Amino acid sequence: MNLSVDCNQLRFLILLILLASDICYQVKDENRAFYFYNEARVAATYANISQIKTESLMGLGLVTMSIGMWDEAIIILKKNLQYAWESKNTEA
């Protein structure tokens, strides 16, 4: 029981981090948005939550595009596509 409660709390915390990153991106605070998207990605990797990991990778790609780092954005978005493809194949 304690493990399931802890996993739900961790998922909720990661979703809050993702929300903070979305808000920072909307108000054009790219530095904080990048930081929070990356924190959400790391935490989602730790918690093995593939949906949040793909959302955070997409956010990282959008932030890097908005600041003009096109080569890095392509790498991040390719990584996102690769990860989404692999996680879809493992779920089926």
PDB file of N, CA and C in Angstrom:
ATOM      1  N   MET A   1       0.823  -1.198   0.000  1.00  0.00           N
ATOM      2  CA  MET A   1       0.000   0.000   0.000  1.00  0.00           C
ATOM      3  C   MET A   1       0.861   1.254   0.000  1.00  0.00           C
ATOM      4  N   ASN A   2       1.907   1.270   0.786  1.00  0.00           N
ATOM      5  CA  ASN A   2       2.766   2.453   0.847  1.00  0.00           C
ATOM      6  C   ASN A   2       3.452   2.725  -0.485  1.00  0.00           C
ATOM      7  N   LEU A   3       3.847   1.659  -1.186  1.00  0.00           N
ATOM      8  CA  LEU A   3       4.519   1.846  -2.470  1.00  0.00           C
ATOM      9  C   LEU A   3       3.574   2.470  -3.491  1.00  0.00           C
ATOM     10  N   SER A   4       2.319   2.030  -3.533  1.00  0.00           N
ATOM     11  CA  SER A   4       1.378   2.600  -4.501  1.00  0.00           C
ATOM     12  C   SER A   4       1.080   4.063  -4.185  1.00  0.00           C
ATOM     13  N   VAL A   5       0.990   4.407  -2.913  1.00  0.00           N
ATOM     14  CA  VAL A   5       0.768   5.804  -2.533  1.00  0.00           C
ATOM     15  C   VAL A   5       1.979   6.639  -2.934  1.00  0.00           C
ATOM     16  N   ASP A   6       3.159   6.120  -2.700  1.00  0.00           N
ATOM     17  CA  ASP A   6       4.364   6.858  -3.067  1.00  0.00           C
ATOM     18  C   ASP A   6       4.469   7.046  -4.574  1.00  0.00           C
ATOM     19  N   CYS A   7       4.100   6.033  -5.351  1.00  0.00           N
ATOM     20  CA  CYS A   7       4.140   6.158  -6.812  1.00  0.00           C
ATOM     21  C   CYS A   7       3.136   7.190  -7.300  1.00  0.00           C
ATOM     22  N   ASN A   8       1.947   7.212  -6.683  1.00  0.00           N
ATOM     23  CA  ASN A   8       0.953   8.213  -7.082  1.00  0.00           C
ATOM     24  C   ASN A   8       1.411   9.617  -6.718  1.00  0.00           C
ATOM     25  N   GLN A   9       2.036   9.758  -5.565  1.00  0.00           N
ATOM     26  CA  GLN A   9       2.535  11.069  -5.170  1.00  0.00           C
ATOM     27  C   GLN A   9       3.675  11.512  -6.076  1.00  0.00           C
ATOM     28  N   LEU A  10       4.531  10.577  -6.468  1.00  0.00           N
ATOM     29  CA  LEU A  10       5.624  10.909  -7.378  1.00  0.00           C
ATOM     30  C   LEU A  10       5.070  11.323  -8.741  1.00  0.00           C
ATOM     31  N   ARG A  11       4.091  10.613  -9.227  1.00  0.00           N
ATOM     32  CA  ARG A  11       3.462  10.972 -10.507  1.00  0.00           C
ATOM     33  C   ARG A  11       2.845  12.373 -10.417  1.00  0.00           C
ATOM     34  N   PHE A  12       2.170  12.666  -9.314  1.00  0.00           N
ATOM     35  CA  PHE A  12       1.563  13.982  -9.130  1.00  0.00           C
ATOM     36  C   PHE A  12       2.632  15.071  -9.094  1.00  0.00           C
ATOM     37  N   LEU A  13       3.741  14.820  -8.415  1.00  0.00           N
ATOM     38  CA  LEU A  13       4.837  15.789  -8.357  1.00  0.00           C
ATOM     39  C   LEU A  13       5.414  16.042  -9.748  1.00  0.00           C
ATOM     40  N   ILE A  14       5.592  14.988 -10.514  1.00  0.00           N
ATOM     41  CA  ILE A  14       6.134  15.142 -11.863  1.00  0.00           C
ATOM     42  C   ILE A  14       5.159  15.930 -12.738  1.00  0.00           C
ATOM     43  N   LEU A  15       3.870  15.670 -12.579  1.00  0.00           N
ATOM     44  CA  LEU A  15       2.879  16.430 -13.338  1.00  0.00           C
ATOM     45  C   LEU A  15       2.893  17.905 -12.956  1.00  0.00           C
ATOM     46  N   LEU A  16       3.131  18.204 -11.682  1.00  0.00           N
ATOM     47  CA  LEU A  16       3.251  19.606 -11.258  1.00  0.00           C
ATOM     48  C   LEU A  16       4.482  20.264 -11.881  1.00  0.00           C
ATOM     49  N   ILE A  17       5.575  19.533 -11.948  1.00  0.00           N
ATOM     50  CA  ILE A  17       6.788  20.060 -12.584  1.00  0.00           C
ATOM     51  C   ILE A  17       6.511  20.324 -14.065  1.00  0.00           C
ATOM     52  N   LEU A  18       5.806  19.400 -14.703  1.00  0.00           N
ATOM     53  CA  LEU A  18       5.460  19.580 -16.117  1.00  0.00           C
ATOM     54  C   LEU A  18       4.541  20.788 -16.306  1.00  0.00           C
ATOM     55  N   LEU A  19       3.615  20.988 -15.393  1.00  0.00           N
ATOM     56  CA  LEU A  19       2.743  22.162 -15.446  1.00  0.00           C
ATOM     57  C   LEU A  19       3.556  23.453 -15.304  1.00  0.00           C
ATOM     58  N   ALA A  20       4.501  23.462 -14.369  1.00  0.00           N
ATOM     59  CA  ALA A  20       5.353  24.642 -14.184  1.00  0.00           C
ATOM     60  C   ALA A  20       6.160  24.926 -15.448  1.00  0.00           C
ATOM     61  N   SER A  21       6.643  23.883 -16.097  1.00  0.00           N
ATOM     62  CA  SER A  21       7.415  24.087 -17.321  1.00  0.00           C
ATOM     63  C   SER A  21       6.526  24.623 -18.437  1.00  0.00           C
ATOM     64  N   ASP A  22       5.291  24.126 -18.532  1.00  0.00           N
ATOM     65  CA  ASP A  22       4.365  24.644 -19.550  1.00  0.00           C
ATOM     66  C   ASP A  22       4.062  26.120 -19.310  1.00  0.00           C
ATOM     67  N   ILE A  23       3.869  26.494 -18.059  1.00  0.00           N
ATOM     68  CA  ILE A  23       3.591  27.898 -17.734  1.00  0.00           C
ATOM     69  C   ILE A  23       4.790  28.777 -18.083  1.00  0.00           C
ATOM     70  N   CYS A  24       5.981  28.327 -17.729  1.00  0.00           N
ATOM     71  CA  CYS A  24       7.190  29.101 -18.057  1.00  0.00           C
ATOM     72  C   CYS A  24       7.346  29.256 -19.565  1.00  0.00           C
ATOM     73  N   TYR A  25       7.031  28.206 -20.308  1.00  0.00           N
ATOM     74  CA  TYR A  25       7.125  28.283 -21.763  1.00  0.00           C
ATOM     75  C   TYR A  25       6.109  29.280 -22.315  1.00  0.00           C
ATOM     76  N   GLN A  26       4.898  29.285 -21.760  1.00  0.00           N
ATOM     77  CA  GLN A  26       3.858  30.193 -22.245  1.00  0.00           C
ATOM     78  C   GLN A  26       4.192  31.660 -21.984  1.00  0.00           C
ATOM     79  N   VAL A  27       4.894  31.936 -20.876  1.00  0.00           N
ATOM     80  CA  VAL A  27       5.249  33.329 -20.567  1.00  0.00           C
ATOM     81  C   VAL A  27       6.635  33.688 -21.107  1.00  0.00           C
ATOM     82  N   LYS A  28       7.164  32.835 -21.965  1.00  0.00           N
ATOM     83  CA  LYS A  28       8.436  33.073 -22.669  1.00  0.00           C
ATOM     84  C   LYS A  28       9.653  33.118 -21.739  1.00  0.00           C
ATOM     85  N   ASP A  29       9.614  32.358 -20.655  1.00  0.00           N
ATOM     86  CA  ASP A  29      10.783  32.217 -19.783  1.00  0.00           C
ATOM     87  C   ASP A  29      11.464  30.894 -20.149  1.00  0.00           C
ATOM     88  N   GLU A  30      12.215  30.937 -21.259  1.00  0.00           N
ATOM     89  CA  GLU A  30      12.765  29.721 -21.837  1.00  0.00           C
ATOM     90  C   GLU A  30      13.766  29.015 -20.922  1.00  0.00           C
ATOM     91  N   ASN A  31      14.566  29.779 -20.167  1.00  0.00           N
ATOM     92  CA  ASN A  31      15.557  29.143 -19.288  1.00  0.00           C
ATOM     93  C   ASN A  31      14.895  28.268 -18.238  1.00  0.00           C
ATOM     94  N   ARG A  32      13.889  28.814 -17.569  1.00  0.00           N
ATOM     95  CA  ARG A  32      13.189  28.021 -16.546  1.00  0.00           C
ATOM     96  C   ARG A  32      12.370  26.908 -17.184  1.00  0.00           C
ATOM     97  N   ALA A  33      11.773  27.164 -18.329  1.00  0.00           N
ATOM     98  CA  ALA A  33      10.997  26.125 -19.013  1.00  0.00           C
ATOM     99  C   ALA A  33      11.888  24.947 -19.362  1.00  0.00           C
ATOM    100  N   PHE A  34      13.072  25.237 -19.893  1.00  0.00           N
ATOM    101  CA  PHE A  34      14.004  24.162 -20.235  1.00  0.00           C
ATOM    102  C   PHE A  34      14.401  23.388 -18.984  1.00  0.00           C
ATOM    103  N   TYR A  35      14.691  24.103 -17.909  1.00  0.00           N
ATOM    104  CA  TYR A  35      15.076  23.458 -16.659  1.00  0.00           C
ATOM    105  C   TYR A  35      13.968  22.532 -16.147  1.00  0.00           C
ATOM    106  N   PHE A  36      12.742  23.039 -16.106  1.00  0.00           N
ATOM    107  CA  PHE A  36      11.638  22.241 -15.572  1.00  0.00           C
ATOM    108  C   PHE A  36      11.279  21.069 -16.492  1.00  0.00           C
ATOM    109  N   TYR A  37      11.326  21.284 -17.808  1.00  0.00           N
ATOM    110  CA  TYR A  37      11.079  20.163 -18.723  1.00  0.00           C
ATOM    111  C   TYR A  37      12.131  19.071 -18.527  1.00  0.00           C
ATOM    112  N   ASN A  38      13.374  19.480 -18.344  1.00  0.00           N
ATOM    113  CA  ASN A  38      14.427  18.497 -18.139  1.00  0.00           C
ATOM    114  C   ASN A  38      14.250  17.771 -16.804  1.00  0.00           C
ATOM    115  N   GLU A  39      13.855  18.493 -15.760  1.00  0.00           N
ATOM    116  CA  GLU A  39      13.604  17.854 -14.465  1.00  0.00           C
ATOM    117  C   GLU A  39      12.449  16.856 -14.569  1.00  0.00           C
ATOM    118  N   ALA A  40      11.417  17.220 -15.301  1.00  0.00           N
ATOM    119  CA  ALA A  40      10.288  16.305 -15.495  1.00  0.00           C
ATOM    120  C   ALA A  40      10.734  15.071 -16.267  1.00  0.00           C
ATOM    121  N   ARG A  41      11.605  15.270 -17.251  1.00  0.00           N
ATOM    122  CA  ARG A  41      12.117  14.137 -18.026  1.00  0.00           C
ATOM    123  C   ARG A  41      12.912  13.187 -17.155  1.00  0.00           C
ATOM    124  N   VAL A  42      13.793  13.735 -16.333  1.00  0.00           N
ATOM    125  CA  VAL A  42      14.621  12.903 -15.455  1.00  0.00           C
ATOM    126  C   VAL A  42      13.754  12.153 -14.447  1.00  0.00           C
ATOM    127  N   ALA A  43      12.799  12.854 -13.850  1.00  0.00           N
ATOM    128  CA  ALA A  43      11.931  12.215 -12.856  1.00  0.00           C
ATOM    129  C   ALA A  43      11.044  11.163 -13.505  1.00  0.00           C
ATOM    130  N   ALA A  44      10.549  11.425 -14.706  1.00  0.00           N
ATOM    131  CA  ALA A  44       9.713  10.438 -15.400  1.00  0.00           C
ATOM    132  C   ALA A  44      10.526   9.215 -15.792  1.00  0.00           C
ATOM    133  N   THR A  45      11.782   9.417 -16.135  1.00  0.00           N
ATOM    134  CA  THR A  45      12.654   8.283 -16.424  1.00  0.00           C
ATOM    135  C   THR A  45      12.854   7.451 -15.168  1.00  0.00           C
ATOM    136  N   TYR A  46      13.084   8.109 -14.053  1.00  0.00           N
ATOM    137  CA  TYR A  46      13.268   7.416 -12.777  1.00  0.00           C
ATOM    138  C   TYR A  46      12.004   6.640 -12.391  1.00  0.00           C
ATOM    139  N   ALA A  47      10.834   7.265 -12.581  1.00  0.00           N
ATOM    140  CA  ALA A  47       9.573   6.637 -12.191  1.00  0.00           C
ATOM    141  C   ALA A  47       9.030   5.701 -13.274  1.00  0.00           C
ATOM    142  N   ASN A  48       9.671   5.662 -14.427  1.00  0.00           N
ATOM    143  CA  ASN A  48       9.274   4.817 -15.553  1.00  0.00           C
ATOM    144  C   ASN A  48       7.856   5.147 -16.022  1.00  0.00           C
ATOM    145  N   ILE A  49       7.607   6.437 -16.239  1.00  0.00           N
ATOM    146  CA  ILE A  49       6.313   6.916 -16.740  1.00  0.00           C
ATOM    147  C   ILE A  49       6.550   7.447 -18.153  1.00  0.00           C
ATOM    148  N   SER A  50       6.274   6.606 -19.138  1.00  0.00           N
ATOM    149  CA  SER A  50       6.643   6.939 -20.512  1.00  0.00           C
ATOM    150  C   SER A  50       5.843   8.113 -21.075  1.00  0.00           C
ATOM    151  N   GLN A  51       4.582   8.243 -20.719  1.00  0.00           N
ATOM    152  CA  GLN A  51       3.774   9.337 -21.257  1.00  0.00           C
ATOM    153  C   GLN A  51       4.334  10.698 -20.855  1.00  0.00           C
ATOM    154  N   ILE A  52       4.699  10.846 -19.590  1.00  0.00           N
ATOM    155  CA  ILE A  52       5.243  12.126 -19.129  1.00  0.00           C
ATOM    156  C   ILE A  52       6.623  12.362 -19.724  1.00  0.00           C
ATOM    157  N   LYS A  53       7.391  11.291 -19.910  1.00  0.00           N
ATOM    158  CA  LYS A  53       8.720  11.457 -20.506  1.00  0.00           C
ATOM    159  C   LYS A  53       8.610  11.978 -21.935  1.00  0.00           C
ATOM    160  N   THR A  54       7.663  11.449 -22.707  1.00  0.00           N
ATOM    161  CA  THR A  54       7.518  11.942 -24.077  1.00  0.00           C
ATOM    162  C   THR A  54       7.010  13.381 -24.095  1.00  0.00           C
ATOM    163  N   GLU A  55       6.130  13.742 -23.154  1.00  0.00           N
ATOM    164  CA  GLU A  55       5.660  15.132 -23.089  1.00  0.00           C
ATOM    165  C   GLU A  55       6.794  16.083 -22.724  1.00  0.00           C
ATOM    166  N   SER A  56       7.655  15.663 -21.815  1.00  0.00           N
ATOM    167  CA  SER A  56       8.759  16.537 -21.430  1.00  0.00           C
ATOM    168  C   SER A  56       9.793  16.658 -22.551  1.00  0.00           C
ATOM    169  N   LEU A  57      10.030  15.572 -23.279  1.00  0.00           N
ATOM    170  CA  LEU A  57      10.937  15.656 -24.423  1.00  0.00           C
ATOM    171  C   LEU A  57      10.369  16.566 -25.505  1.00  0.00           C
ATOM    172  N   MET A  58       9.056  16.503 -25.710  1.00  0.00           N
ATOM    173  CA  MET A  58       8.434  17.397 -26.687  1.00  0.00           C
ATOM    174  C   MET A  58       8.592  18.846 -26.246  1.00  0.00           C
ATOM    175  N   GLY A  59       8.399  19.101 -24.958  1.00  0.00           N
ATOM    176  CA  GLY A  59       8.585  20.452 -24.432  1.00  0.00           C
ATOM    177  C   GLY A  59      10.014  20.936 -24.607  1.00  0.00           C
ATOM    178  N   LEU A  60      10.969  20.049 -24.353  1.00  0.00           N
ATOM    179  CA  LEU A  60      12.376  20.419 -24.551  1.00  0.00           C
ATOM    180  C   LEU A  60      12.635  20.778 -26.006  1.00  0.00           C
ATOM    181  N   GLY A  61      12.043  20.016 -26.908  1.00  0.00           N
ATOM    182  CA  GLY A  61      12.201  20.321 -28.331  1.00  0.00           C
ATOM    183  C   GLY A  61      11.604  21.659 -28.708  1.00  0.00           C
ATOM    184  N   LEU A  62      10.433  21.956 -28.165  1.00  0.00           N
ATOM    185  CA  LEU A  62       9.789  23.242 -28.465  1.00  0.00           C
ATOM    186  C   LEU A  62      10.589  24.417 -27.922  1.00  0.00           C
ATOM    187  N   VAL A  63      11.133  24.257 -26.713  1.00  0.00           N
ATOM    188  CA  VAL A  63      11.925  25.345 -26.128  1.00  0.00           C
ATOM    189  C   VAL A  63      13.191  25.584 -26.945  1.00  0.00           C
ATOM    190  N   THR A  64      13.864  24.511 -27.330  1.00  0.00           N
ATOM    191  CA  THR A  64      15.089  24.697 -28.117  1.00  0.00           C
ATOM    192  C   THR A  64      14.784  25.304 -29.481  1.00  0.00           C
ATOM    193  N   MET A  65      13.633  24.988 -30.054  1.00  0.00           N
ATOM    194  CA  MET A  65      13.253  25.632 -31.317  1.00  0.00           C
ATOM    195  C   MET A  65      12.963  27.112 -31.103  1.00  0.00           C
ATOM    196  N   SER A  66      12.312  27.442 -29.985  1.00  0.00           N
ATOM    197  CA  SER A  66      11.933  28.844 -29.771  1.00  0.00           C
ATOM    198  C   SER A  66      13.135  29.735 -29.516  1.00  0.00           C
ATOM    199  N   ILE A  67      14.255  29.162 -29.051  1.00  0.00           N
ATOM    200  CA  ILE A  67      15.446  29.990 -28.834  1.00  0.00           C
ATOM    201  C   ILE A  67      16.433  29.872 -29.992  1.00  0.00           C
ATOM    202  N   GLY A  68      16.021  29.159 -31.053  1.00  0.00           N
ATOM    203  CA  GLY A  68      16.828  29.115 -32.263  1.00  0.00           C
ATOM    204  C   GLY A  68      17.926  28.075 -32.283  1.00  0.00           C
ATOM    205  N   MET A  69      17.871  27.102 -31.402  1.00  0.00           N
ATOM    206  CA  MET A  69      18.870  26.026 -31.392  1.00  0.00           C
ATOM    207  C   MET A  69      18.329  24.859 -32.221  1.00  0.00           C
ATOM    208  N   TRP A  70      18.341  25.035 -33.534  1.00  0.00           N
ATOM    209  CA  TRP A  70      17.664  24.113 -34.439  1.00  0.00           C
ATOM    210  C   TRP A  70      18.276  22.722 -34.445  1.00  0.00           C
ATOM    211  N   ASP A  71      19.596  22.631 -34.448  1.00  0.00           N
ATOM    212  CA  ASP A  71      20.240  21.318 -34.480  1.00  0.00           C
ATOM    213  C   ASP A  71      19.928  20.510 -33.228  1.00  0.00           C
ATOM    214  N   GLU A  72      19.965  21.175 -32.066  1.00  0.00           N
ATOM    215  CA  GLU A  72      19.655  20.495 -30.815  1.00  0.00           C
ATOM    216  C   GLU A  72      18.185  20.094 -30.762  1.00  0.00           C
ATOM    217  N   ALA A  73      17.315  20.946 -31.313  1.00  0.00           N
ATOM    218  CA  ALA A  73      15.885  20.642 -31.338  1.00  0.00           C
ATOM    219  C   ALA A  73      15.613  19.391 -32.170  1.00  0.00           C
ATOM    220  N   ILE A  74      16.292  19.268 -33.298  1.00  0.00           N
ATOM    221  CA  ILE A  74      16.124  18.089 -34.139  1.00  0.00           C
ATOM    222  C   ILE A  74      16.561  16.832 -33.399  1.00  0.00           C
ATOM    223  N   ILE A  75      17.672  16.906 -32.687  1.00  0.00           N
ATOM    224  CA  ILE A  75      18.164  15.754 -31.921  1.00  0.00           C
ATOM    225  C   ILE A  75      17.167  15.364 -30.835  1.00  0.00           C
ATOM    226  N   ILE A  76      16.655  16.347 -30.108  1.00  0.00           N
ATOM    227  CA  ILE A  76      15.714  16.067 -29.021  1.00  0.00           C
ATOM    228  C   ILE A  76      14.414  15.494 -29.573  1.00  0.00           C
ATOM    229  N   LEU A  77      13.904  16.069 -30.648  1.00  0.00           N
ATOM    230  CA  LEU A  77      12.648  15.578 -31.209  1.00  0.00           C
ATOM    231  C   LEU A  77      12.800  14.190 -31.835  1.00  0.00           C
ATOM    232  N   LYS A  78      13.960  13.908 -32.413  1.00  0.00           N
ATOM    233  CA  LYS A  78      14.218  12.553 -32.903  1.00  0.00           C
ATOM    234  C   LYS A  78      14.271  11.559 -31.752  1.00  0.00           C
ATOM    235  N   LYS A  79      14.889  11.963 -30.647  1.00  0.00           N
ATOM    236  CA  LYS A  79      14.949  11.119 -29.460  1.00  0.00           C
ATOM    237  C   LYS A  79      13.537  10.865 -28.926  1.00  0.00           C
ATOM    238  N   ASN A  80      12.696  11.904 -28.949  1.00  0.00           N
ATOM    239  CA  ASN A  80      11.318  11.763 -28.506  1.00  0.00           C
ATOM    240  C   ASN A  80      10.567  10.762 -29.384  1.00  0.00           C
ATOM    241  N   LEU A  81      10.722  10.891 -30.686  1.00  0.00           N
ATOM    242  CA  LEU A  81      10.064   9.981 -31.614  1.00  0.00           C
ATOM    243  C   LEU A  81      10.551   8.548 -31.409  1.00  0.00           C
ATOM    244  N   GLN A  82      11.854   8.395 -31.234  1.00  0.00           N
ATOM    245  CA  GLN A  82      12.425   7.069 -31.003  1.00  0.00           C
ATOM    246  C   GLN A  82      11.891   6.465 -29.705  1.00  0.00           C
ATOM    247  N   TYR A  83      11.842   7.256 -28.662  1.00  0.00           N
ATOM    248  CA  TYR A  83      11.360   6.758 -27.382  1.00  0.00           C
ATOM    249  C   TYR A  83       9.873   6.416 -27.450  1.00  0.00           C
ATOM    250  N   ALA A  84       9.082   7.258 -28.102  1.00  0.00           N
ATOM    251  CA  ALA A  84       7.653   6.979 -28.235  1.00  0.00           C
ATOM    252  C   ALA A  84       7.428   5.698 -29.034  1.00  0.00           C
ATOM    253  N   TRP A  85       8.211   5.506 -30.078  1.00  0.00           N
ATOM    254  CA  TRP A  85       8.090   4.301 -30.893  1.00  0.00           C
ATOM    255  C   TRP A  85       8.433   3.064 -30.071  1.00  0.00           C
ATOM    256  N   GLU A  86       9.530   3.127 -29.315  1.00  0.00           N
ATOM    257  CA  GLU A  86       9.945   1.981 -28.503  1.00  0.00           C
ATOM    258  C   GLU A  86       8.941   1.690 -27.391  1.00  0.00           C
ATOM    259  N   SER A  87       8.421   2.715 -26.745  1.00  0.00           N
ATOM    260  CA  SER A  87       7.477   2.481 -25.652  1.00  0.00           C
ATOM    261  C   SER A  87       6.158   1.948 -26.194  1.00  0.00           C
ATOM    262  N   LYS A  88       5.765   2.342 -27.399  1.00  0.00           N
ATOM    263  CA  LYS A  88       4.548   1.804 -28.004  1.00  0.00           C
ATOM    264  C   LYS A  88       4.727   0.326 -28.320  1.00  0.00           C
ATOM    265  N   ASN A  89       5.899  -0.047 -28.798  1.00  0.00           N
ATOM    266  CA  ASN A  89       6.150  -1.449 -29.129  1.00  0.00           C
ATOM    267  C   ASN A  89       6.221  -2.334 -27.890  1.00  0.00           C
ATOM    268  N   THR A  90       6.700  -1.797 -26.784  1.00  0.00           N
ATOM    269  CA  THR A  90       6.791  -2.616 -25.564  1.00  0.00           C
ATOM    270  C   THR A  90       5.444  -2.753 -24.886  1.00  0.00           C
ATOM    271  N   GLU A  91       4.531  -1.785 -25.082  1.00  0.00           N
ATOM    272  CA  GLU A  91       3.206  -1.862 -24.467  1.00  0.00           C
ATOM    273  C   GLU A  91       2.302  -2.838 -25.211  1.00  0.00           C
ATOM    274  N   ALA A  92       2.519  -3.017 -26.503  1.00  0.00           N
ATOM    275  CA  ALA A  92       1.633  -3.882 -27.308  1.00  0.00           C
ATOM    276  C   ALA A  92       1.899  -5.340 -27.070  1.00  0.00           C
TER     277      ALA A  92
END
